[in-house]
Amino acid sequence: MITIRIEKPEDVLQVRRLNKQAFETPAEANIVDALRSACPSSLSLVAVDKKHVIGHILFSPVAVDFAGTKIEGMGLAPMAVLQDRQRQGTGSQLVKQGLEILQKRGYPFVIVLGHPEY
């Protein structure tokens, strides 16, 4: 059974390994580490199976200028799921849970970066 929850400090190393494995370079893992420390309002969720992180998603602050008005929302990126656990709904569960949390927090929109399907 998979549990979706907010990332805890003890998840950080597993999240870093997951992002490095999923994207085959450390670039996304470095982005996650930087955003985690620079953006206290970011939302980092993990999908956990037993004690192992099998998925991760990060939402961080973005601002859009709409007709001269700055509107603040959240950007979704990156999202990663272990290769052997992909296409089983874990990513969709992470997105759904994240959007529900952000809606409760009052964010008017979420921008999805890098994935045309969403």
N, C-alpha and C. Protein backbone atom coordinates (compact mmCIF):
# COMPACT_ATOMS: atom_id res chain seq x y z
N MET A 1 0.84 -1.19 0.00
CA MET A 1 0.00 0.00 0.00
C MET A 1 0.88 1.25 0.00
N ILE A 2 0.52 2.20 -0.83
CA ILE A 2 1.27 3.45 -0.96
C ILE A 2 0.61 4.53 -0.11
N THR A 3 1.46 5.29 0.58
CA THR A 3 0.99 6.43 1.36
C THR A 3 1.59 7.69 0.75
N ILE A 4 0.76 8.70 0.53
CA ILE A 4 1.21 10.01 0.06
C ILE A 4 1.22 10.93 1.27
N ARG A 5 2.37 11.58 1.53
CA ARG A 5 2.47 12.48 2.68
C ARG A 5 3.49 13.57 2.40
N ILE A 6 3.48 14.57 3.26
CA ILE A 6 4.45 15.65 3.16
C ILE A 6 5.83 15.10 3.49
N GLU A 7 6.81 15.53 2.73
CA GLU A 7 8.20 15.11 2.94
C GLU A 7 8.67 15.47 4.35
N LYS A 8 9.40 14.54 4.95
CA LYS A 8 10.01 14.76 6.27
C LYS A 8 11.52 14.90 6.09
N PRO A 9 12.22 15.51 7.05
CA PRO A 9 13.68 15.65 6.93
C PRO A 9 14.39 14.32 6.67
N GLU A 10 13.90 13.25 7.24
CA GLU A 10 14.57 11.96 7.04
C GLU A 10 14.35 11.38 5.64
N ASP A 11 13.49 12.02 4.82
CA ASP A 11 13.25 11.57 3.45
C ASP A 11 14.22 12.20 2.44
N VAL A 12 14.91 13.25 2.84
CA VAL A 12 15.69 14.06 1.90
C VAL A 12 16.68 13.23 1.08
N LEU A 13 17.44 12.35 1.71
CA LEU A 13 18.42 11.55 0.96
C LEU A 13 17.75 10.60 -0.02
N GLN A 14 16.64 9.98 0.39
CA GLN A 14 15.93 9.08 -0.52
C GLN A 14 15.34 9.86 -1.70
N VAL A 15 14.84 11.06 -1.43
CA VAL A 15 14.28 11.90 -2.50
C VAL A 15 15.39 12.28 -3.48
N ARG A 16 16.55 12.63 -2.97
CA ARG A 16 17.67 12.98 -3.84
C ARG A 16 18.06 11.79 -4.73
N ARG A 17 18.18 10.60 -4.13
CA ARG A 17 18.53 9.40 -4.90
C ARG A 17 17.47 9.11 -5.97
N LEU A 18 16.20 9.24 -5.59
CA LEU A 18 15.10 8.99 -6.51
C LEU A 18 15.19 9.92 -7.72
N ASN A 19 15.38 11.22 -7.46
CA ASN A 19 15.45 12.18 -8.57
C ASN A 19 16.67 11.93 -9.46
N LYS A 20 17.80 11.57 -8.87
CA LYS A 20 18.98 11.26 -9.68
C LYS A 20 18.73 10.03 -10.55
N GLN A 21 18.08 9.03 -9.99
CA GLN A 21 17.80 7.80 -10.74
C GLN A 21 16.77 8.06 -11.84
N ALA A 22 15.73 8.80 -11.51
CA ALA A 22 14.64 9.02 -12.47
C ALA A 22 15.07 9.88 -13.65
N PHE A 23 15.94 10.85 -13.40
CA PHE A 23 16.33 11.78 -14.46
C PHE A 23 17.73 11.51 -15.01
N GLU A 24 18.44 10.53 -14.46
CA GLU A 24 19.74 10.07 -14.93
C GLU A 24 20.86 11.11 -14.82
N THR A 25 20.59 12.25 -14.23
CA THR A 25 21.61 13.26 -13.93
C THR A 25 21.24 13.88 -12.58
N PRO A 26 22.16 14.56 -11.94
CA PRO A 26 21.82 15.20 -10.66
C PRO A 26 21.11 16.54 -10.79
N ALA A 27 20.83 17.01 -12.00
CA ALA A 27 20.27 18.35 -12.19
C ALA A 27 18.96 18.55 -11.42
N GLU A 28 18.00 17.65 -11.59
CA GLU A 28 16.71 17.81 -10.90
C GLU A 28 16.87 17.66 -9.40
N ALA A 29 17.71 16.74 -8.97
CA ALA A 29 17.97 16.58 -7.53
C ALA A 29 18.54 17.86 -6.95
N ASN A 30 19.43 18.51 -7.69
CA ASN A 30 20.00 19.78 -7.24
C ASN A 30 18.94 20.87 -7.17
N ILE A 31 18.04 20.88 -8.16
CA ILE A 31 16.95 21.87 -8.17
C ILE A 31 16.05 21.67 -6.96
N VAL A 32 15.70 20.43 -6.67
CA VAL A 32 14.85 20.13 -5.51
C VAL A 32 15.54 20.61 -4.23
N ASP A 33 16.81 20.29 -4.08
CA ASP A 33 17.54 20.73 -2.88
C ASP A 33 17.55 22.24 -2.76
N ALA A 34 17.79 22.94 -3.86
CA ALA A 34 17.85 24.40 -3.84
C ALA A 34 16.49 25.01 -3.52
N LEU A 35 15.44 24.50 -4.16
CA LEU A 35 14.10 25.05 -3.91
C LEU A 35 13.62 24.75 -2.50
N ARG A 36 13.96 23.58 -2.01
CA ARG A 36 13.57 23.21 -0.64
C ARG A 36 14.10 24.23 0.36
N SER A 37 15.36 24.64 0.18
CA SER A 37 15.97 25.56 1.14
C SER A 37 15.60 27.01 0.86
N ALA A 38 15.37 27.37 -0.40
CA ALA A 38 15.11 28.77 -0.75
C ALA A 38 13.64 29.16 -0.67
N CYS A 39 12.74 28.19 -0.70
CA CYS A 39 11.31 28.50 -0.77
C CYS A 39 10.56 27.78 0.35
N PRO A 40 10.47 28.40 1.51
CA PRO A 40 9.78 27.73 2.62
C PRO A 40 8.31 27.45 2.36
N SER A 41 7.70 28.13 1.39
CA SER A 41 6.29 27.88 1.10
C SER A 41 6.10 26.77 0.06
N SER A 42 7.20 26.15 -0.39
CA SER A 42 7.06 25.05 -1.35
C SER A 42 6.37 23.86 -0.68
N LEU A 43 5.82 23.00 -1.50
CA LEU A 43 5.16 21.79 -1.01
C LEU A 43 5.87 20.59 -1.62
N SER A 44 6.45 19.77 -0.79
CA SER A 44 7.18 18.58 -1.23
C SER A 44 6.48 17.36 -0.67
N LEU A 45 5.97 16.51 -1.56
CA LEU A 45 5.26 15.30 -1.15
C LEU A 45 6.03 14.07 -1.58
N VAL A 46 5.90 13.01 -0.81
CA VAL A 46 6.51 11.73 -1.16
C VAL A 46 5.44 10.64 -1.19
N ALA A 47 5.69 9.66 -2.04
CA ALA A 47 4.90 8.43 -2.06
C ALA A 47 5.77 7.38 -1.40
N VAL A 48 5.25 6.75 -0.35
CA VAL A 48 6.03 5.81 0.43
C VAL A 48 5.36 4.44 0.39
N ASP A 49 6.17 3.43 0.12
CA ASP A 49 5.73 2.04 0.19
C ASP A 49 6.55 1.40 1.30
N LYS A 50 5.90 1.06 2.38
CA LYS A 50 6.56 0.62 3.61
C LYS A 50 7.42 1.77 4.10
N LYS A 51 8.74 1.64 4.09
CA LYS A 51 9.60 2.73 4.55
C LYS A 51 10.37 3.38 3.41
N HIS A 52 10.08 2.99 2.19
CA HIS A 52 10.87 3.44 1.05
C HIS A 52 10.12 4.49 0.23
N VAL A 53 10.80 5.57 -0.09
CA VAL A 53 10.24 6.60 -0.96
C VAL A 53 10.30 6.06 -2.39
N ILE A 54 9.13 5.96 -3.02
CA ILE A 54 9.07 5.47 -4.40
C ILE A 54 8.67 6.57 -5.37
N GLY A 55 8.21 7.72 -4.83
CA GLY A 55 7.81 8.83 -5.67
C GLY A 55 7.95 10.15 -4.94
N HIS A 56 8.09 11.21 -5.71
CA HIS A 56 8.26 12.55 -5.13
C HIS A 56 7.70 13.59 -6.09
N ILE A 57 7.14 14.65 -5.52
CA ILE A 57 6.66 15.77 -6.31
C ILE A 57 6.95 17.05 -5.54
N LEU A 58 7.29 18.09 -6.29
CA LEU A 58 7.59 19.38 -5.68
C LEU A 58 6.76 20.47 -6.34
N PHE A 59 6.10 21.26 -5.53
CA PHE A 59 5.39 22.46 -5.97
C PHE A 59 6.10 23.64 -5.34
N SER A 60 6.46 24.64 -6.14
CA SER A 60 7.16 25.81 -5.60
C SER A 60 6.51 27.08 -6.14
N PRO A 61 6.71 28.19 -5.44
CA PRO A 61 6.03 29.45 -5.80
C PRO A 61 6.41 29.97 -7.19
N VAL A 62 5.40 30.46 -7.89
CA VAL A 62 5.58 31.16 -9.17
C VAL A 62 4.65 32.37 -9.16
N ALA A 63 4.98 33.35 -9.98
CA ALA A 63 4.13 34.53 -10.13
C ALA A 63 3.90 34.78 -11.62
N VAL A 64 2.69 35.16 -11.97
CA VAL A 64 2.32 35.45 -13.34
C VAL A 64 1.79 36.87 -13.39
N ASP A 65 2.24 37.63 -14.38
CA ASP A 65 1.73 38.98 -14.58
C ASP A 65 0.56 38.87 -15.55
N PHE A 66 -0.63 39.16 -15.07
CA PHE A 66 -1.83 39.08 -15.88
C PHE A 66 -2.45 40.47 -15.95
N ALA A 67 -2.38 41.07 -17.12
CA ALA A 67 -2.94 42.41 -17.34
C ALA A 67 -2.45 43.41 -16.29
N GLY A 68 -1.16 43.34 -16.00
CA GLY A 68 -0.58 44.28 -15.05
C GLY A 68 -0.76 43.91 -13.59
N THR A 69 -1.38 42.78 -13.33
CA THR A 69 -1.60 42.32 -11.96
C THR A 69 -0.77 41.06 -11.71
N LYS A 70 -0.02 41.07 -10.65
CA LYS A 70 0.79 39.90 -10.29
C LYS A 70 -0.10 38.91 -9.55
N ILE A 71 -0.17 37.69 -10.08
CA ILE A 71 -0.95 36.62 -9.45
C ILE A 71 0.03 35.54 -9.02
N GLU A 72 -0.03 35.15 -7.76
CA GLU A 72 0.89 34.14 -7.25
C GLU A 72 0.21 32.77 -7.19
N GLY A 73 0.95 31.78 -7.62
CA GLY A 73 0.46 30.41 -7.61
C GLY A 73 1.63 29.48 -7.32
N MET A 74 1.53 28.26 -7.81
CA MET A 74 2.58 27.27 -7.60
C MET A 74 2.92 26.60 -8.93
N GLY A 75 4.18 26.22 -9.06
CA GLY A 75 4.63 25.47 -10.21
C GLY A 75 4.93 24.04 -9.80
N LEU A 76 4.54 23.10 -10.64
CA LEU A 76 4.77 21.68 -10.36
C LEU A 76 5.97 21.23 -11.18
N ALA A 77 7.04 20.91 -10.52
CA ALA A 77 8.22 20.33 -11.17
C ALA A 77 9.34 20.30 -10.15
N PRO A 78 10.06 19.23 -10.11
CA PRO A 78 9.87 18.00 -10.86
C PRO A 78 8.98 17.01 -10.11
N MET A 79 8.63 15.96 -10.84
CA MET A 79 7.95 14.82 -10.26
C MET A 79 8.72 13.58 -10.72
N ALA A 80 8.93 12.66 -9.81
CA ALA A 80 9.69 11.45 -10.14
C ALA A 80 9.08 10.24 -9.44
N VAL A 81 9.10 9.11 -10.14
CA VAL A 81 8.65 7.83 -9.59
C VAL A 81 9.70 6.80 -10.01
N LEU A 82 10.05 5.90 -9.08
CA LEU A 82 10.99 4.84 -9.41
C LEU A 82 10.56 4.15 -10.71
N GLN A 83 11.53 3.82 -11.55
CA GLN A 83 11.22 3.26 -12.86
C GLN A 83 10.35 2.00 -12.77
N ASP A 84 10.64 1.12 -11.83
CA ASP A 84 9.85 -0.11 -11.74
C ASP A 84 8.47 0.09 -11.12
N ARG A 85 8.16 1.32 -10.69
CA ARG A 85 6.85 1.64 -10.10
C ARG A 85 6.06 2.61 -10.97
N GLN A 86 6.59 2.96 -12.14
CA GLN A 86 5.90 3.89 -13.04
C GLN A 86 4.72 3.21 -13.70
N ARG A 87 3.79 4.03 -14.16
CA ARG A 87 2.58 3.58 -14.87
C ARG A 87 1.67 2.75 -13.98
N GLN A 88 1.72 3.02 -12.66
CA GLN A 88 0.85 2.32 -11.71
C GLN A 88 0.00 3.29 -10.91
N GLY A 89 0.00 4.56 -11.30
CA GLY A 89 -0.86 5.56 -10.65
C GLY A 89 -0.20 6.37 -9.55
N THR A 90 1.06 6.09 -9.23
CA THR A 90 1.73 6.81 -8.15
C THR A 90 1.86 8.30 -8.47
N GLY A 91 2.29 8.62 -9.69
CA GLY A 91 2.43 10.02 -10.09
C GLY A 91 1.10 10.74 -10.04
N SER A 92 0.05 10.10 -10.52
CA SER A 92 -1.29 10.71 -10.49
C SER A 92 -1.75 10.96 -9.05
N GLN A 93 -1.46 10.03 -8.16
CA GLN A 93 -1.82 10.22 -6.75
C GLN A 93 -1.07 11.41 -6.14
N LEU A 94 0.22 11.54 -6.50
CA LEU A 94 1.01 12.67 -6.00
C LEU A 94 0.43 14.00 -6.49
N VAL A 95 0.09 14.06 -7.78
CA VAL A 95 -0.48 15.28 -8.35
C VAL A 95 -1.80 15.60 -7.66
N LYS A 96 -2.68 14.62 -7.57
CA LYS A 96 -4.01 14.84 -6.98
C LYS A 96 -3.90 15.33 -5.54
N GLN A 97 -3.10 14.68 -4.73
CA GLN A 97 -2.95 15.07 -3.33
C GLN A 97 -2.35 16.48 -3.23
N GLY A 98 -1.35 16.76 -4.06
CA GLY A 98 -0.73 18.08 -4.05
C GLY A 98 -1.73 19.17 -4.42
N LEU A 99 -2.52 18.94 -5.46
CA LEU A 99 -3.51 19.94 -5.87
C LEU A 99 -4.56 20.16 -4.79
N GLU A 100 -4.97 19.10 -4.11
CA GLU A 100 -5.95 19.25 -3.02
C GLU A 100 -5.37 20.11 -1.89
N ILE A 101 -4.13 19.86 -1.52
CA ILE A 101 -3.49 20.63 -0.45
C ILE A 101 -3.36 22.10 -0.86
N LEU A 102 -2.91 22.34 -2.09
CA LEU A 102 -2.73 23.71 -2.55
C LEU A 102 -4.05 24.46 -2.66
N GLN A 103 -5.11 23.77 -3.07
CA GLN A 103 -6.42 24.39 -3.13
C GLN A 103 -6.87 24.82 -1.73
N LYS A 104 -6.65 23.96 -0.75
CA LYS A 104 -7.01 24.31 0.64
C LYS A 104 -6.19 25.49 1.15
N ARG A 105 -4.95 25.63 0.64
CA ARG A 105 -4.09 26.73 1.04
C ARG A 105 -4.41 28.02 0.28
N GLY A 106 -5.32 27.95 -0.68
CA GLY A 106 -5.79 29.14 -1.37
C GLY A 106 -5.01 29.56 -2.60
N TYR A 107 -4.21 28.67 -3.18
CA TYR A 107 -3.49 29.03 -4.40
C TYR A 107 -4.44 28.97 -5.59
N PRO A 108 -4.44 30.03 -6.42
CA PRO A 108 -5.43 30.10 -7.51
C PRO A 108 -5.08 29.25 -8.73
N PHE A 109 -3.82 28.85 -8.87
CA PHE A 109 -3.44 28.05 -10.04
C PHE A 109 -2.16 27.28 -9.77
N VAL A 110 -1.95 26.27 -10.61
CA VAL A 110 -0.71 25.50 -10.61
C VAL A 110 -0.25 25.40 -12.05
N ILE A 111 1.01 25.72 -12.28
CA ILE A 111 1.62 25.58 -13.60
C ILE A 111 2.42 24.28 -13.60
N VAL A 112 2.20 23.46 -14.63
CA VAL A 112 2.95 22.21 -14.74
C VAL A 112 4.04 22.42 -15.77
N LEU A 113 5.28 22.17 -15.35
CA LEU A 113 6.43 22.40 -16.23
C LEU A 113 6.97 21.08 -16.76
N GLY A 114 7.18 21.00 -18.07
CA GLY A 114 7.90 19.88 -18.65
C GLY A 114 7.09 18.65 -18.98
N HIS A 115 5.77 18.66 -18.84
CA HIS A 115 5.00 17.46 -19.14
C HIS A 115 3.70 17.87 -19.88
N PRO A 116 3.69 17.77 -21.21
CA PRO A 116 2.55 18.25 -21.98
C PRO A 116 1.23 17.55 -21.67
N GLU A 117 1.28 16.32 -21.14
CA GLU A 117 0.05 15.58 -20.82
C GLU A 117 -0.76 16.27 -19.72
N TYR A 118 -0.06 16.96 -18.81
CA TYR A 118 -0.73 17.66 -17.73
C TYR A 118 -0.97 19.11 -18.08
